[in-house]
């Protein structure tokens, strides 16, 4: 899921348990995915979801916005020193 989002690709998600359900719900709410609940899965729903994913420009646009937001996040190399300072008792991350 995250790899597709990192590349700005919309997706069809069929969550099966645990955090898959929450992540699918969040992706659908963000407009970057179509969720098909496992209890409702059928060939017709998967086909319709894939068709929409491939042809709905709103899904692609939302996925690209999220891709850009992911790219704008600081790298782990930039975040670790801040976390170290905070763990050492600094009151401010800078």
C-alpha atoms as a PDB file:
ATOM      1  CA  UNK A   1       0.000   0.000   0.000  1.00  0.00           C
ATOM      2  CA  UNK A   2       2.684   2.505   1.007  1.00  0.00           C
ATOM      3  CA  UNK A   3       4.841   1.672  -2.004  1.00  0.00           C
ATOM      4  CA  UNK A   4       1.952   2.443  -4.355  1.00  0.00           C
ATOM      5  CA  UNK A   5       1.221   5.687  -2.506  1.00  0.00           C
ATOM      6  CA  UNK A   6       4.884   6.667  -2.612  1.00  0.00           C
ATOM      7  CA  UNK A   7       4.654   6.430  -6.408  1.00  0.00           C
ATOM      8  CA  UNK A   8       1.326   8.252  -6.662  1.00  0.00           C
ATOM      9  CA  UNK A   9      -0.668   5.227  -7.754  1.00  0.00           C
ATOM     10  CA  UNK A  10      -4.302   4.700  -6.787  1.00  0.00           C
ATOM     11  CA  UNK A  11      -5.244   1.182  -5.751  1.00  0.00           C
ATOM     12  CA  UNK A  12      -7.940  -1.356  -5.057  1.00  0.00           C
ATOM     13  CA  UNK A  13      -7.572  -2.682  -1.522  1.00  0.00           C
ATOM     14  CA  UNK A  14      -9.150  -5.866  -0.212  1.00  0.00           C
ATOM     15  CA  UNK A  15      -8.430  -5.763   3.524  1.00  0.00           C
ATOM     16  CA  UNK A  16      -8.450  -9.050   5.396  1.00  0.00           C
ATOM     17  CA  UNK A  17      -7.624  -8.283   9.046  1.00  0.00           C
ATOM     18  CA  UNK A  18      -5.827  -6.098  11.552  1.00  0.00           C
ATOM     19  CA  UNK A  19      -4.474  -2.809  10.320  1.00  0.00           C
ATOM     20  CA  UNK A  20      -5.415  -3.699   6.734  1.00  0.00           C
ATOM     21  CA  UNK A  21      -8.994  -2.715   7.496  1.00  0.00           C
ATOM     22  CA  UNK A  22      -8.033   0.607   9.065  1.00  0.00           C
ATOM     23  CA  UNK A  23      -5.522   1.428   6.333  1.00  0.00           C
ATOM     24  CA  UNK A  24      -8.026   0.605   3.597  1.00  0.00           C
ATOM     25  CA  UNK A  25     -10.614   2.814   5.264  1.00  0.00           C
ATOM     26  CA  UNK A  26      -8.124   5.691   5.538  1.00  0.00           C
ATOM     27  CA  UNK A  27      -6.987   5.325   1.933  1.00  0.00           C
ATOM     28  CA  UNK A  28     -10.565   5.275   0.707  1.00  0.00           C
ATOM     29  CA  UNK A  29     -11.390   8.353   2.809  1.00  0.00           C
ATOM     30  CA  UNK A  30      -8.347  10.119   1.327  1.00  0.00           C
ATOM     31  CA  UNK A  31      -9.633   9.360  -2.159  1.00  0.00           C
ATOM     32  CA  UNK A  32      -6.618   7.272  -3.169  1.00  0.00           C
ATOM     33  CA  UNK A  33      -8.167   3.800  -3.096  1.00  0.00           C
ATOM     34  CA  UNK A  34     -11.256   1.734  -3.587  1.00  0.00           C
ATOM     35  CA  UNK A  35     -11.926  -0.661  -0.762  1.00  0.00           C
ATOM     36  CA  UNK A  36     -13.667  -3.970  -1.314  1.00  0.00           C
ATOM     37  CA  UNK A  37     -14.526  -5.674   1.980  1.00  0.00           C
ATOM     38  CA  UNK A  38     -13.485  -9.321   1.986  1.00  0.00           C
ATOM     39  CA  UNK A  39     -17.028 -10.395   2.909  1.00  0.00           C
ATOM     40  CA  UNK A  40     -18.339  -8.723  -0.255  1.00  0.00           C
ATOM     41  CA  UNK A  41     -15.639  -9.754  -2.722  1.00  0.00           C
ATOM     42  CA  UNK A  42     -16.762 -10.895  -6.153  1.00  0.00           C
ATOM     43  CA  UNK A  43     -15.338 -10.920  -9.637  1.00  0.00           C
ATOM     44  CA  UNK A  44     -17.726  -8.138 -10.589  1.00  0.00           C
ATOM     45  CA  UNK A  45     -16.668  -5.869  -7.698  1.00  0.00           C
ATOM     46  CA  UNK A  46     -12.963  -6.418  -8.344  1.00  0.00           C
ATOM     47  CA  UNK A  47     -13.425  -5.747 -12.059  1.00  0.00           C
ATOM     48  CA  UNK A  48     -15.463  -2.596 -11.385  1.00  0.00           C
ATOM     49  CA  UNK A  49     -12.945  -1.408  -8.787  1.00  0.00           C
ATOM     50  CA  UNK A  50     -10.011  -1.973 -11.127  1.00  0.00           C
ATOM     51  CA  UNK A  51     -11.816  -0.195 -13.959  1.00  0.00           C
ATOM     52  CA  UNK A  52     -12.558   2.803 -11.748  1.00  0.00           C
ATOM     53  CA  UNK A  53      -9.007   2.836 -10.388  1.00  0.00           C
ATOM     54  CA  UNK A  54      -7.608   2.937 -13.913  1.00  0.00           C
ATOM     55  CA  UNK A  55     -10.025   5.528 -15.305  1.00  0.00           C
ATOM     56  CA  UNK A  56     -11.073   7.853 -12.466  1.00  0.00           C
ATOM     57  CA  UNK A  57      -8.893  10.972 -12.679  1.00  0.00           C
ATOM     58  CA  UNK A  58      -9.883  12.024  -9.145  1.00  0.00           C
ATOM     59  CA  UNK A  59      -8.272   8.888  -7.683  1.00  0.00           C
ATOM     60  CA  UNK A  60      -5.077   9.523  -9.627  1.00  0.00           C
ATOM     61  CA  UNK A  61      -5.003  13.201  -8.659  1.00  0.00           C
ATOM     62  CA  UNK A  62      -5.486  12.372  -4.969  1.00  0.00           C
ATOM     63  CA  UNK A  63      -2.788   9.699  -5.106  1.00  0.00           C
ATOM     64  CA  UNK A  64      -0.367  12.196  -6.647  1.00  0.00           C
ATOM     65  CA  UNK A  65      -1.121  14.784  -3.964  1.00  0.00           C
ATOM     66  CA  UNK A  66      -0.399  12.171  -1.288  1.00  0.00           C
ATOM     67  CA  UNK A  67       2.779  11.162  -3.150  1.00  0.00           C
ATOM     68  CA  UNK A  68       3.957  14.769  -3.008  1.00  0.00           C
ATOM     69  CA  UNK A  69       3.155  14.987   0.703  1.00  0.00           C
ATOM     70  CA  UNK A  70       5.175  11.821   1.328  1.00  0.00           C
ATOM     71  CA  UNK A  71       8.105  13.263  -0.657  1.00  0.00           C
ATOM     72  CA  UNK A  72       7.972  16.443   1.446  1.00  0.00           C
ATOM     73  CA  UNK A  73       8.320  14.521   4.718  1.00  0.00           C
ATOM     74  CA  UNK A  74      11.720  14.682   6.391  1.00  0.00           C
ATOM     75  CA  UNK A  75      13.996  11.696   5.983  1.00  0.00           C
ATOM     76  CA  UNK A  76      14.837   9.398   8.894  1.00  0.00           C
ATOM     77  CA  UNK A  77      18.343  10.901   8.854  1.00  0.00           C
ATOM     78  CA  UNK A  78      16.817  14.311   9.509  1.00  0.00           C
ATOM     79  CA  UNK A  79      14.406  13.098  12.194  1.00  0.00           C
ATOM     80  CA  UNK A  80      16.714  10.897  14.289  1.00  0.00           C
ATOM     81  CA  UNK A  81      18.864  13.743  15.683  1.00  0.00           C
ATOM     82  CA  UNK A  82      15.707  15.590  16.724  1.00  0.00           C
ATOM     83  CA  UNK A  83      14.387  12.493  18.506  1.00  0.00           C
ATOM     84  CA  UNK A  84      17.753  12.021  20.196  1.00  0.00           C
ATOM     85  CA  UNK A  85      17.701  15.593  21.519  1.00  0.00           C
ATOM     86  CA  UNK A  86      14.155  15.190  22.791  1.00  0.00           C
ATOM     87  CA  UNK A  87      15.010  11.842  24.410  1.00  0.00           C
ATOM     88  CA  UNK A  88      17.965  13.488  26.114  1.00  0.00           C
ATOM     89  CA  UNK A  89      15.634  16.003  27.709  1.00  0.00           C
ATOM     90  CA  UNK A  90      15.597  18.920  25.295  1.00  0.00           C
ATOM     91  CA  UNK A  91      12.417  20.990  25.588  1.00  0.00           C
ATOM     92  CA  UNK A  92      12.421  21.907  21.921  1.00  0.00           C
ATOM     93  CA  UNK A  93      13.053  19.709  18.867  1.00  0.00           C
ATOM     94  CA  UNK A  94      15.477  22.276  17.418  1.00  0.00           C
END
